[in-house]
């Protein structure tokens, strides 16, 4: 990220990401807010993950206009491929500096043009604009709220998956769901047809 000195990694907690960065971006409560830490990059859904700004080996964060995020279903990247939402949005609540913040979180996976899922995943957060996220009387709000979402993009580690009964063999990478603290249980898995065909061939 452009606002982080060399040698440092930006690793916010979910509470910090929503309670400070996204809330401040939406409600403009802090006149000294550093917009370079999480850059505005509205072409996230038009860019293949490898070409997004920043270091691809670590998590990258971007502010995106809600209107751009809502065009997801009709968006393909210039390099070939598309982002697809997996499962349903999750209603979450965090507490930051004594203030409750509610948001919606959704998980997305990047697919190549051949409809093959890749290890690239995205988490998108948008605030629920309700009373409990409006700045309190001690904070200065410079104007009306703005519609931003924050996206976190990363490449999941992959490894072969071995089941106790059958070995899955596919041409696409399989997500390692055991190496991350986040719940990715809804990510694409090898299909039953793939496993049965590999078993019969052996």
N, C-alpha and C. Protein backbone atom coordinates (compact mmCIF):
# COMPACT_ATOMS: atom_id res chain seq x y z
N UNK A 1 0.83 -1.19 0.00
CA UNK A 1 0.00 0.00 0.00
C UNK A 1 0.87 1.25 0.00
N UNK A 2 0.43 2.27 -0.72
CA UNK A 2 1.24 3.45 -0.91
C UNK A 2 1.54 4.21 0.36
N UNK A 3 0.66 4.14 1.38
CA UNK A 3 0.86 4.91 2.59
C UNK A 3 1.60 4.19 3.68
N UNK A 4 2.07 2.97 3.42
CA UNK A 4 2.76 2.17 4.43
C UNK A 4 4.25 2.17 4.12
N UNK A 5 5.11 2.53 5.09
CA UNK A 5 6.56 2.56 4.84
C UNK A 5 7.11 1.20 4.44
N UNK A 6 8.22 1.21 3.71
CA UNK A 6 8.86 -0.04 3.30
C UNK A 6 9.23 -0.86 4.53
N UNK A 7 8.99 -2.17 4.43
CA UNK A 7 9.29 -3.06 5.55
C UNK A 7 8.13 -3.30 6.47
N UNK A 8 7.03 -2.54 6.29
CA UNK A 8 5.85 -2.70 7.12
C UNK A 8 4.72 -3.32 6.29
N UNK A 9 3.88 -4.12 6.94
CA UNK A 9 2.71 -4.66 6.31
C UNK A 9 1.47 -4.12 7.01
N UNK A 10 0.45 -3.83 6.23
CA UNK A 10 -0.82 -3.32 6.76
C UNK A 10 -1.70 -4.51 7.10
N UNK A 11 -1.88 -4.77 8.40
CA UNK A 11 -2.63 -5.95 8.86
C UNK A 11 -3.70 -5.54 9.87
N UNK A 12 -4.73 -4.85 9.44
CA UNK A 12 -5.78 -4.42 10.38
C UNK A 12 -6.65 -5.58 10.82
N UNK A 13 -7.16 -5.48 12.04
CA UNK A 13 -8.18 -6.42 12.48
C UNK A 13 -9.49 -6.05 11.81
N UNK A 14 -10.46 -6.94 11.87
CA UNK A 14 -11.76 -6.63 11.30
C UNK A 14 -12.41 -5.46 12.02
N UNK A 15 -12.16 -5.37 13.34
CA UNK A 15 -12.69 -4.24 14.11
C UNK A 15 -12.08 -2.92 13.64
N UNK A 16 -10.79 -2.89 13.41
CA UNK A 16 -10.12 -1.68 12.94
C UNK A 16 -10.55 -1.33 11.51
N UNK A 17 -10.65 -2.35 10.68
CA UNK A 17 -11.01 -2.13 9.28
C UNK A 17 -12.38 -1.48 9.15
N UNK A 18 -13.34 -1.98 9.95
CA UNK A 18 -14.70 -1.46 9.86
C UNK A 18 -14.92 -0.25 10.77
N UNK A 19 -14.42 -0.36 12.01
CA UNK A 19 -14.69 0.68 13.00
C UNK A 19 -13.95 1.98 12.74
N UNK A 20 -12.76 1.89 12.12
CA UNK A 20 -12.04 3.13 11.83
C UNK A 20 -11.97 3.43 10.33
N UNK A 21 -11.34 2.55 9.57
CA UNK A 21 -11.06 2.88 8.17
C UNK A 21 -12.31 3.05 7.32
N UNK A 22 -13.21 2.07 7.34
CA UNK A 22 -14.39 2.18 6.49
C UNK A 22 -15.37 3.23 7.04
N UNK A 23 -15.56 3.26 8.36
CA UNK A 23 -16.45 4.27 8.94
C UNK A 23 -15.95 5.68 8.67
N UNK A 24 -14.64 5.89 8.81
CA UNK A 24 -14.08 7.21 8.56
C UNK A 24 -14.20 7.59 7.09
N UNK A 25 -13.99 6.62 6.21
CA UNK A 25 -14.10 6.89 4.77
C UNK A 25 -15.54 7.26 4.40
N UNK A 26 -16.49 6.54 4.95
CA UNK A 26 -17.90 6.77 4.60
C UNK A 26 -18.42 8.07 5.20
N UNK A 27 -18.09 8.31 6.49
CA UNK A 27 -18.66 9.48 7.17
C UNK A 27 -17.72 10.68 7.25
N UNK A 28 -16.47 10.51 6.78
CA UNK A 28 -15.49 11.60 6.75
C UNK A 28 -15.36 12.27 8.12
N UNK A 29 -15.13 11.47 9.15
CA UNK A 29 -15.08 11.99 10.52
C UNK A 29 -13.71 12.50 10.94
N UNK A 30 -12.67 12.13 10.21
CA UNK A 30 -11.31 12.49 10.62
C UNK A 30 -10.65 13.31 9.52
N UNK A 31 -10.44 14.62 9.73
CA UNK A 31 -9.82 15.45 8.69
C UNK A 31 -8.38 15.06 8.39
N UNK A 32 -7.74 14.31 9.29
CA UNK A 32 -6.35 13.88 9.08
C UNK A 32 -6.26 12.47 8.53
N UNK A 33 -7.38 11.92 8.10
CA UNK A 33 -7.42 10.55 7.60
C UNK A 33 -6.49 10.38 6.41
N UNK A 34 -5.63 9.35 6.48
CA UNK A 34 -4.66 9.08 5.42
C UNK A 34 -5.31 8.21 4.34
N UNK A 35 -5.65 8.81 3.21
CA UNK A 35 -6.31 8.08 2.13
C UNK A 35 -5.37 7.16 1.37
N UNK A 36 -4.07 7.24 1.65
CA UNK A 36 -3.13 6.42 0.91
C UNK A 36 -2.93 5.04 1.52
N UNK A 37 -3.32 4.86 2.77
CA UNK A 37 -3.14 3.55 3.42
C UNK A 37 -3.99 2.51 2.71
N UNK A 38 -5.28 2.81 2.50
CA UNK A 38 -6.15 1.99 1.67
C UNK A 38 -6.53 2.85 0.47
N UNK A 39 -5.97 2.58 -0.70
CA UNK A 39 -6.23 3.45 -1.84
C UNK A 39 -7.62 3.27 -2.44
N UNK A 40 -8.12 4.34 -3.06
CA UNK A 40 -9.33 4.23 -3.87
C UNK A 40 -8.93 3.56 -5.19
N UNK A 41 -9.60 2.47 -5.51
CA UNK A 41 -9.27 1.78 -6.76
C UNK A 41 -10.54 1.16 -7.29
N UNK A 42 -11.25 1.92 -8.10
CA UNK A 42 -12.57 1.48 -8.55
C UNK A 42 -12.51 0.47 -9.70
N UNK A 43 -11.29 0.12 -10.15
CA UNK A 43 -11.16 -0.88 -11.21
C UNK A 43 -10.85 -2.27 -10.66
N UNK A 44 -11.10 -2.49 -9.37
CA UNK A 44 -10.81 -3.79 -8.77
C UNK A 44 -11.49 -4.92 -9.55
N UNK A 45 -12.74 -4.73 -9.93
CA UNK A 45 -13.49 -5.79 -10.60
C UNK A 45 -13.19 -5.86 -12.09
N UNK A 46 -12.36 -4.94 -12.59
CA UNK A 46 -11.98 -4.96 -14.01
C UNK A 46 -10.52 -5.37 -14.19
N UNK A 47 -9.87 -5.78 -13.11
CA UNK A 47 -8.43 -6.08 -13.14
C UNK A 47 -8.19 -7.49 -12.62
N UNK A 48 -7.36 -8.25 -13.31
CA UNK A 48 -7.04 -9.58 -12.78
C UNK A 48 -6.25 -9.41 -11.49
N UNK A 49 -6.41 -10.30 -10.52
CA UNK A 49 -5.81 -10.10 -9.20
C UNK A 49 -4.31 -9.87 -9.23
N UNK A 50 -3.60 -10.57 -10.12
CA UNK A 50 -2.15 -10.43 -10.18
C UNK A 50 -1.71 -9.01 -10.55
N UNK A 51 -2.59 -8.28 -11.25
CA UNK A 51 -2.23 -6.94 -11.73
C UNK A 51 -2.73 -5.82 -10.82
N UNK A 52 -3.37 -6.15 -9.72
CA UNK A 52 -3.82 -5.11 -8.79
C UNK A 52 -2.62 -4.44 -8.13
N UNK A 53 -2.74 -3.17 -7.76
CA UNK A 53 -1.62 -2.48 -7.11
C UNK A 53 -1.21 -3.15 -5.81
N UNK A 54 0.06 -3.04 -5.47
CA UNK A 54 0.53 -3.59 -4.21
C UNK A 54 1.24 -4.92 -4.37
N UNK A 55 1.68 -5.44 -3.25
CA UNK A 55 2.42 -6.71 -3.21
C UNK A 55 1.45 -7.89 -3.24
N UNK A 56 1.48 -8.71 -4.31
CA UNK A 56 0.49 -9.78 -4.43
C UNK A 56 0.64 -10.90 -3.42
N UNK A 57 1.78 -10.98 -2.72
CA UNK A 57 1.98 -12.08 -1.77
C UNK A 57 1.30 -11.84 -0.43
N UNK A 58 0.80 -10.63 -0.21
CA UNK A 58 0.13 -10.31 1.05
C UNK A 58 -1.27 -9.77 0.77
N UNK A 59 -2.06 -9.64 1.80
CA UNK A 59 -3.40 -9.09 1.64
C UNK A 59 -3.32 -7.65 1.13
N UNK A 60 -4.20 -7.33 0.19
CA UNK A 60 -4.27 -5.97 -0.33
C UNK A 60 -5.68 -5.43 -0.13
N UNK A 61 -5.77 -4.17 0.28
CA UNK A 61 -7.05 -3.55 0.60
C UNK A 61 -7.31 -2.39 -0.35
N UNK A 62 -8.59 -2.25 -0.74
CA UNK A 62 -8.98 -1.18 -1.66
C UNK A 62 -10.36 -0.65 -1.28
N UNK A 63 -10.53 0.68 -1.41
CA UNK A 63 -11.85 1.27 -1.32
C UNK A 63 -12.46 1.29 -2.72
N UNK A 64 -13.71 0.85 -2.81
CA UNK A 64 -14.41 0.80 -4.08
C UNK A 64 -15.78 1.44 -3.90
N UNK A 65 -16.22 2.19 -4.89
CA UNK A 65 -17.56 2.76 -4.83
C UNK A 65 -18.60 1.65 -4.84
N UNK A 66 -19.65 1.83 -4.05
CA UNK A 66 -20.72 0.81 -4.00
C UNK A 66 -21.32 0.57 -5.37
N UNK A 67 -21.43 1.62 -6.18
CA UNK A 67 -22.03 1.47 -7.50
C UNK A 67 -21.20 0.54 -8.38
N UNK A 68 -19.86 0.57 -8.22
CA UNK A 68 -19.00 -0.34 -8.99
C UNK A 68 -19.12 -1.77 -8.48
N UNK A 69 -19.21 -1.93 -7.16
CA UNK A 69 -19.35 -3.26 -6.60
C UNK A 69 -20.67 -3.89 -7.01
N UNK A 70 -21.71 -3.07 -7.16
CA UNK A 70 -23.02 -3.60 -7.52
C UNK A 70 -23.10 -4.07 -8.96
N UNK A 71 -22.11 -3.70 -9.79
CA UNK A 71 -22.09 -4.12 -11.19
C UNK A 71 -21.36 -5.45 -11.36
N UNK A 72 -21.11 -6.12 -10.26
CA UNK A 72 -20.28 -7.32 -10.28
C UNK A 72 -20.76 -8.35 -11.28
N UNK A 73 -22.05 -8.60 -11.36
CA UNK A 73 -22.57 -9.69 -12.19
C UNK A 73 -22.36 -9.45 -13.68
N UNK A 74 -22.06 -8.22 -14.08
CA UNK A 74 -21.87 -7.92 -15.50
C UNK A 74 -20.43 -7.54 -15.79
N UNK A 75 -19.53 -7.80 -14.86
CA UNK A 75 -18.15 -7.34 -14.98
C UNK A 75 -17.21 -8.49 -15.32
N UNK A 76 -16.37 -8.28 -16.33
CA UNK A 76 -15.27 -9.19 -16.61
C UNK A 76 -13.99 -8.38 -16.68
N UNK A 77 -12.87 -8.99 -16.34
CA UNK A 77 -11.61 -8.28 -16.33
C UNK A 77 -11.02 -8.21 -17.73
N UNK A 78 -10.16 -7.23 -17.95
CA UNK A 78 -9.54 -7.07 -19.25
C UNK A 78 -8.60 -8.23 -19.57
N UNK A 79 -8.06 -8.87 -18.52
CA UNK A 79 -7.13 -9.97 -18.73
C UNK A 79 -7.80 -11.32 -18.87
N UNK A 80 -9.12 -11.38 -18.77
CA UNK A 80 -9.82 -12.65 -18.88
C UNK A 80 -10.16 -13.22 -17.53
N UNK A 81 -11.45 -13.35 -17.26
CA UNK A 81 -11.90 -13.88 -15.97
C UNK A 81 -12.91 -12.96 -15.32
N UNK A 82 -13.40 -13.37 -14.16
CA UNK A 82 -14.43 -12.59 -13.49
C UNK A 82 -14.49 -12.99 -12.01
N UNK A 83 -15.02 -12.07 -11.20
CA UNK A 83 -15.26 -12.33 -9.79
C UNK A 83 -16.70 -12.81 -9.61
N UNK A 84 -16.87 -13.81 -8.78
CA UNK A 84 -18.21 -14.33 -8.51
C UNK A 84 -18.42 -14.46 -7.01
N UNK A 85 -19.57 -13.94 -6.54
CA UNK A 85 -19.91 -14.05 -5.12
C UNK A 85 -20.26 -15.49 -4.78
N UNK A 86 -19.79 -15.95 -3.62
CA UNK A 86 -20.04 -17.31 -3.16
C UNK A 86 -20.92 -17.27 -1.92
N UNK A 87 -22.01 -18.01 -1.95
CA UNK A 87 -22.90 -18.04 -0.79
C UNK A 87 -23.69 -16.75 -0.65
N UNK A 88 -24.09 -16.44 0.57
CA UNK A 88 -24.89 -15.25 0.84
C UNK A 88 -24.10 -14.27 1.70
N UNK A 89 -24.52 -13.02 1.67
CA UNK A 89 -23.88 -12.01 2.50
C UNK A 89 -24.11 -12.32 3.98
N UNK A 90 -23.10 -11.98 4.78
CA UNK A 90 -23.18 -12.23 6.22
C UNK A 90 -23.31 -10.91 6.97
N UNK A 91 -24.28 -10.83 7.86
CA UNK A 91 -24.48 -9.65 8.69
C UNK A 91 -23.56 -9.78 9.91
N UNK A 92 -22.61 -8.87 10.06
CA UNK A 92 -21.66 -8.96 11.16
C UNK A 92 -21.70 -7.69 12.00
N UNK A 93 -21.25 -7.80 13.24
CA UNK A 93 -21.19 -6.65 14.14
C UNK A 93 -19.86 -6.69 14.89
N UNK A 94 -19.18 -5.55 14.92
CA UNK A 94 -17.93 -5.43 15.67
C UNK A 94 -18.05 -4.24 16.61
N UNK A 95 -17.17 -4.22 17.61
CA UNK A 95 -17.12 -3.10 18.55
C UNK A 95 -15.74 -2.46 18.45
N UNK A 96 -15.72 -1.17 18.17
CA UNK A 96 -14.46 -0.44 18.05
C UNK A 96 -14.55 0.82 18.89
N UNK A 97 -13.66 0.92 19.89
CA UNK A 97 -13.63 2.07 20.80
C UNK A 97 -15.01 2.31 21.44
N UNK A 98 -15.64 1.22 21.83
CA UNK A 98 -16.91 1.30 22.52
C UNK A 98 -18.12 1.53 21.64
N UNK A 99 -17.92 1.59 20.33
CA UNK A 99 -19.02 1.86 19.42
C UNK A 99 -19.30 0.64 18.55
N UNK A 100 -20.57 0.23 18.48
CA UNK A 100 -20.95 -0.90 17.66
C UNK A 100 -21.02 -0.48 16.19
N UNK A 101 -20.50 -1.33 15.35
CA UNK A 101 -20.54 -1.10 13.91
C UNK A 101 -21.06 -2.36 13.24
N UNK A 102 -22.10 -2.20 12.45
CA UNK A 102 -22.68 -3.33 11.73
C UNK A 102 -22.34 -3.20 10.25
N UNK A 103 -22.09 -4.35 9.65
CA UNK A 103 -21.72 -4.35 8.23
C UNK A 103 -22.16 -5.65 7.60
N UNK A 104 -22.16 -5.65 6.27
CA UNK A 104 -22.41 -6.86 5.52
C UNK A 104 -21.10 -7.30 4.89
N UNK A 105 -20.82 -8.60 4.96
CA UNK A 105 -19.60 -9.16 4.39
C UNK A 105 -19.97 -10.23 3.38
N UNK A 106 -19.30 -10.19 2.24
CA UNK A 106 -19.51 -11.26 1.27
C UNK A 106 -18.16 -11.76 0.76
N UNK A 107 -18.15 -13.02 0.36
CA UNK A 107 -16.96 -13.69 -0.12
C UNK A 107 -17.07 -13.87 -1.63
N UNK A 108 -15.97 -13.57 -2.34
CA UNK A 108 -15.94 -13.72 -3.79
C UNK A 108 -14.71 -14.53 -4.20
N UNK A 109 -14.84 -15.23 -5.31
CA UNK A 109 -13.74 -16.02 -5.86
C UNK A 109 -13.51 -15.58 -7.30
N UNK A 110 -12.24 -15.54 -7.71
CA UNK A 110 -11.92 -15.15 -9.08
C UNK A 110 -11.88 -16.39 -9.96
N UNK A 111 -12.62 -16.34 -11.09
CA UNK A 111 -12.67 -17.43 -12.06
C UNK A 111 -11.99 -17.00 -13.35
N UNK A 112 -11.27 -17.93 -13.96
CA UNK A 112 -10.74 -17.69 -15.30
C UNK A 112 -11.87 -17.78 -16.32
N UNK A 113 -11.56 -17.40 -17.55
CA UNK A 113 -12.59 -17.41 -18.61
C UNK A 113 -13.17 -18.80 -18.82
N UNK A 114 -12.40 -19.82 -18.49
CA UNK A 114 -12.86 -21.20 -18.67
C UNK A 114 -13.73 -21.68 -17.50
N UNK A 115 -14.16 -20.75 -16.66
CA UNK A 115 -15.00 -21.05 -15.49
C UNK A 115 -14.28 -21.93 -14.47
N UNK A 116 -12.97 -21.82 -14.42
CA UNK A 116 -12.17 -22.56 -13.44
C UNK A 116 -11.87 -21.65 -12.26
N UNK A 117 -12.24 -22.04 -11.03
CA UNK A 117 -11.94 -21.19 -9.87
C UNK A 117 -10.45 -21.14 -9.61
N UNK A 118 -9.98 -20.00 -9.16
CA UNK A 118 -8.57 -19.82 -8.83
C UNK A 118 -8.42 -19.67 -7.32
N UNK A 119 -7.19 -19.63 -6.82
CA UNK A 119 -6.99 -19.43 -5.38
C UNK A 119 -7.23 -17.99 -4.92
N UNK A 120 -7.56 -17.09 -5.85
CA UNK A 120 -7.75 -15.69 -5.48
C UNK A 120 -9.14 -15.48 -4.88
N UNK A 121 -9.18 -14.91 -3.68
CA UNK A 121 -10.45 -14.64 -3.00
C UNK A 121 -10.51 -13.17 -2.58
N UNK A 122 -11.70 -12.70 -2.41
CA UNK A 122 -11.92 -11.32 -1.98
C UNK A 122 -12.99 -11.30 -0.90
N UNK A 123 -12.77 -10.47 0.11
CA UNK A 123 -13.81 -10.19 1.09
C UNK A 123 -14.21 -8.73 0.94
N UNK A 124 -15.50 -8.54 0.77
CA UNK A 124 -16.02 -7.18 0.57
C UNK A 124 -16.91 -6.82 1.76
N UNK A 125 -16.67 -5.64 2.34
CA UNK A 125 -17.44 -5.15 3.48
C UNK A 125 -18.16 -3.86 3.12
N UNK A 126 -19.42 -3.77 3.49
CA UNK A 126 -20.16 -2.51 3.34
C UNK A 126 -20.92 -2.24 4.63
N UNK A 127 -20.90 -0.99 5.03
CA UNK A 127 -21.58 -0.61 6.27
C UNK A 127 -23.08 -0.67 6.10
N UNK A 128 -23.76 -1.03 7.18
CA UNK A 128 -25.21 -0.88 7.24
C UNK A 128 -25.46 0.51 7.79
N UNK A 129 -26.05 1.34 6.99
CA UNK A 129 -26.21 2.74 7.39
C UNK A 129 -27.38 2.89 8.36
N UNK A 130 -27.17 2.46 9.59
CA UNK A 130 -28.17 2.56 10.64
C UNK A 130 -27.66 3.46 11.75
N UNK A 131 -28.49 3.75 12.74
CA UNK A 131 -28.13 4.73 13.77
C UNK A 131 -26.87 4.37 14.53
N UNK A 132 -26.61 3.09 14.72
CA UNK A 132 -25.47 2.72 15.55
C UNK A 132 -24.13 2.82 14.84
N UNK A 133 -24.10 3.30 13.59
CA UNK A 133 -22.81 3.57 12.95
C UNK A 133 -22.65 5.05 12.62
N UNK A 134 -23.64 5.87 12.96
CA UNK A 134 -23.52 7.30 12.75
C UNK A 134 -22.60 7.87 13.83
N UNK A 135 -21.63 8.72 13.48
CA UNK A 135 -20.71 9.26 14.48
C UNK A 135 -21.45 9.91 15.64
N UNK A 136 -20.91 9.72 16.87
CA UNK A 136 -21.57 10.30 18.03
C UNK A 136 -21.30 11.80 18.13
N UNK A 137 -21.85 12.45 19.13
CA UNK A 137 -21.82 13.91 19.22
C UNK A 137 -20.43 14.47 19.44
N UNK A 138 -19.48 13.64 19.86
CA UNK A 138 -18.12 14.14 20.11
C UNK A 138 -17.26 14.11 18.86
N UNK A 139 -17.77 13.55 17.78
CA UNK A 139 -17.02 13.46 16.54
C UNK A 139 -17.55 14.47 15.53
N UNK A 140 -16.67 15.01 14.73
CA UNK A 140 -17.04 16.00 13.74
C UNK A 140 -17.25 15.31 12.39
N UNK A 141 -18.42 15.46 11.85
CA UNK A 141 -18.73 14.89 10.55
C UNK A 141 -18.76 16.02 9.52
N UNK A 142 -17.98 15.91 8.46
CA UNK A 142 -17.83 17.01 7.53
C UNK A 142 -18.94 17.10 6.50
N UNK A 143 -19.85 16.15 6.49
CA UNK A 143 -20.93 16.22 5.52
C UNK A 143 -21.66 14.91 5.42
N UNK A 144 -22.45 14.77 4.33
CA UNK A 144 -23.24 13.56 4.14
C UNK A 144 -22.34 12.36 3.92
N UNK A 145 -22.86 11.19 4.28
CA UNK A 145 -22.08 9.97 4.12
C UNK A 145 -21.88 9.66 2.64
N UNK A 146 -20.80 8.96 2.35
CA UNK A 146 -20.49 8.55 0.99
C UNK A 146 -20.55 7.03 0.91
N UNK A 147 -20.88 6.54 -0.27
CA UNK A 147 -21.08 5.10 -0.44
C UNK A 147 -19.79 4.44 -0.92
N UNK A 148 -19.06 3.88 0.05
CA UNK A 148 -17.84 3.14 -0.23
C UNK A 148 -17.95 1.75 0.37
N UNK A 149 -17.29 0.78 -0.26
CA UNK A 149 -17.07 -0.52 0.36
C UNK A 149 -15.57 -0.72 0.42
N UNK A 150 -15.12 -1.62 1.29
CA UNK A 150 -13.70 -1.93 1.35
C UNK A 150 -13.52 -3.40 0.99
N UNK A 151 -12.53 -3.67 0.13
CA UNK A 151 -12.28 -5.02 -0.35
C UNK A 151 -10.90 -5.48 0.07
N UNK A 152 -10.81 -6.72 0.49
CA UNK A 152 -9.54 -7.35 0.84
C UNK A 152 -9.30 -8.50 -0.13
N UNK A 153 -8.19 -8.44 -0.87
CA UNK A 153 -7.87 -9.44 -1.88
C UNK A 153 -6.63 -10.21 -1.45
N UNK A 154 -6.68 -11.52 -1.58
CA UNK A 154 -5.50 -12.32 -1.27
C UNK A 154 -5.56 -13.63 -2.05
N UNK A 155 -4.39 -14.27 -2.15
CA UNK A 155 -4.31 -15.58 -2.79
C UNK A 155 -4.24 -16.64 -1.71
N UNK A 156 -5.19 -17.57 -1.73
CA UNK A 156 -5.21 -18.63 -0.75
C UNK A 156 -4.11 -19.64 -1.04
N UNK A 157 -3.56 -20.23 0.02
CA UNK A 157 -2.63 -21.33 -0.16
C UNK A 157 -3.38 -22.53 -0.70
N UNK A 158 -2.72 -23.31 -1.52
CA UNK A 158 -3.36 -24.50 -2.08
C UNK A 158 -2.54 -25.73 -1.75
N UNK A 159 -3.24 -26.85 -1.71
CA UNK A 159 -2.57 -28.13 -1.50
C UNK A 159 -3.50 -29.24 -1.96
N UNK A 160 -2.97 -30.41 -2.29
CA UNK A 160 -3.84 -31.54 -2.64
C UNK A 160 -4.72 -31.91 -1.45
N UNK A 161 -5.95 -32.27 -1.74
CA UNK A 161 -6.89 -32.66 -0.69
C UNK A 161 -7.10 -34.16 -0.73
N UNK A 162 -6.83 -34.83 0.38
CA UNK A 162 -6.98 -36.28 0.45
C UNK A 162 -8.07 -36.62 1.45
N UNK A 163 -9.13 -37.26 0.99
CA UNK A 163 -10.24 -37.66 1.84
C UNK A 163 -9.98 -39.07 2.34
N UNK A 164 -10.61 -39.44 3.43
CA UNK A 164 -10.40 -40.77 4.00
C UNK A 164 -10.89 -41.87 3.07
N UNK A 165 -11.84 -41.56 2.19
CA UNK A 165 -12.41 -42.57 1.33
C UNK A 165 -11.96 -42.47 -0.12
N UNK A 166 -11.71 -41.22 -0.60
CA UNK A 166 -11.37 -41.08 -2.01
C UNK A 166 -10.41 -39.92 -2.21
N UNK A 167 -9.60 -39.99 -3.24
CA UNK A 167 -8.62 -38.97 -3.56
C UNK A 167 -9.17 -38.10 -4.68
N UNK A 168 -9.24 -36.80 -4.45
CA UNK A 168 -9.74 -35.88 -5.45
C UNK A 168 -8.59 -35.48 -6.37
N UNK A 169 -8.75 -35.65 -7.64
CA UNK A 169 -7.74 -35.25 -8.61
C UNK A 169 -8.42 -34.34 -9.63
N UNK A 170 -8.05 -33.08 -9.66
CA UNK A 170 -8.65 -32.13 -10.59
C UNK A 170 -7.56 -31.31 -11.23
N UNK A 171 -7.93 -30.60 -12.29
CA UNK A 171 -6.97 -29.75 -12.96
C UNK A 171 -6.90 -28.37 -12.35
N UNK A 172 -7.77 -28.04 -11.40
CA UNK A 172 -7.78 -26.71 -10.80
C UNK A 172 -7.28 -26.79 -9.36
N UNK A 173 -6.73 -25.69 -8.85
CA UNK A 173 -6.20 -25.71 -7.48
C UNK A 173 -7.31 -25.88 -6.47
N UNK A 174 -6.95 -26.49 -5.35
CA UNK A 174 -7.89 -26.71 -4.26
C UNK A 174 -7.49 -25.84 -3.08
N UNK A 175 -8.45 -25.12 -2.49
CA UNK A 175 -8.15 -24.22 -1.41
C UNK A 175 -7.77 -24.98 -0.14
N UNK A 176 -6.73 -24.51 0.53
CA UNK A 176 -6.34 -25.08 1.81
C UNK A 176 -7.13 -24.34 2.89
N UNK A 177 -8.16 -24.98 3.39
CA UNK A 177 -9.04 -24.32 4.34
C UNK A 177 -8.54 -24.41 5.76
N UNK A 178 -7.42 -25.08 5.97
CA UNK A 178 -6.94 -25.27 7.33
C UNK A 178 -5.87 -24.27 7.71
N UNK A 179 -5.36 -23.48 6.75
CA UNK A 179 -4.23 -22.61 7.02
C UNK A 179 -4.63 -21.16 7.28
N UNK A 180 -5.91 -20.88 7.39
CA UNK A 180 -6.36 -19.51 7.54
C UNK A 180 -7.38 -19.43 8.66
N UNK A 181 -7.35 -18.31 9.38
CA UNK A 181 -8.27 -18.15 10.49
C UNK A 181 -9.67 -17.79 10.03
N UNK A 182 -9.85 -17.42 8.76
CA UNK A 182 -11.14 -17.00 8.26
C UNK A 182 -11.91 -18.19 7.73
N UNK A 183 -13.23 -18.10 7.78
CA UNK A 183 -14.09 -19.21 7.37
C UNK A 183 -14.33 -19.14 5.88
N UNK A 184 -13.75 -20.08 5.13
CA UNK A 184 -13.94 -20.14 3.69
C UNK A 184 -14.68 -21.42 3.30
N UNK A 185 -15.58 -21.87 4.16
CA UNK A 185 -16.22 -23.16 3.94
C UNK A 185 -17.08 -23.18 2.68
N UNK A 186 -17.42 -21.99 2.15
CA UNK A 186 -18.27 -21.96 0.97
C UNK A 186 -17.47 -21.87 -0.32
N UNK A 187 -16.15 -21.92 -0.26
CA UNK A 187 -15.34 -21.86 -1.46
C UNK A 187 -15.58 -23.09 -2.32
N UNK A 188 -15.39 -22.97 -3.64
CA UNK A 188 -15.60 -24.12 -4.53
C UNK A 188 -14.71 -25.30 -4.15
N UNK A 189 -15.27 -26.48 -4.20
CA UNK A 189 -14.54 -27.71 -3.90
C UNK A 189 -14.59 -28.61 -5.13
N UNK A 190 -13.75 -29.65 -5.19
CA UNK A 190 -13.82 -30.60 -6.31
C UNK A 190 -15.20 -31.24 -6.39
N UNK A 191 -15.73 -31.39 -7.61
CA UNK A 191 -17.06 -31.95 -7.78
C UNK A 191 -17.03 -33.47 -7.61
N UNK A 192 -18.20 -34.03 -7.31
CA UNK A 192 -18.29 -35.48 -7.12
C UNK A 192 -18.01 -36.22 -8.41
N UNK A 193 -18.36 -35.58 -9.56
CA UNK A 193 -18.12 -36.22 -10.85
C UNK A 193 -16.64 -36.38 -11.12
N UNK A 194 -15.84 -35.36 -10.67
CA UNK A 194 -14.40 -35.44 -10.88
C UNK A 194 -13.80 -36.56 -10.07
N UNK A 195 -14.28 -36.71 -8.82
CA UNK A 195 -13.72 -37.73 -7.95
C UNK A 195 -14.08 -39.12 -8.44
N UNK A 196 -15.33 -39.29 -8.94
CA UNK A 196 -15.75 -40.61 -9.38
C UNK A 196 -15.00 -41.03 -10.62
N UNK A 197 -14.73 -40.06 -11.55
CA UNK A 197 -14.02 -40.40 -12.77
C UNK A 197 -12.59 -40.78 -12.48
N UNK A 198 -11.98 -40.12 -11.49
CA UNK A 198 -10.60 -40.44 -11.15
C UNK A 198 -10.51 -41.80 -10.48
N UNK A 199 -11.55 -42.16 -9.71
CA UNK A 199 -11.56 -43.46 -9.04
C UNK A 199 -11.69 -44.58 -10.04
N UNK A 200 -12.57 -44.39 -11.07
CA UNK A 200 -12.81 -45.42 -12.04
C UNK A 200 -11.60 -45.66 -12.93
N UNK A 201 -10.83 -44.53 -13.20
CA UNK A 201 -9.67 -44.66 -14.05
C UNK A 201 -8.56 -45.44 -13.39
N UNK A 202 -8.55 -45.41 -12.00
CA UNK A 202 -7.53 -46.16 -11.28
C UNK A 202 -7.92 -47.62 -11.16
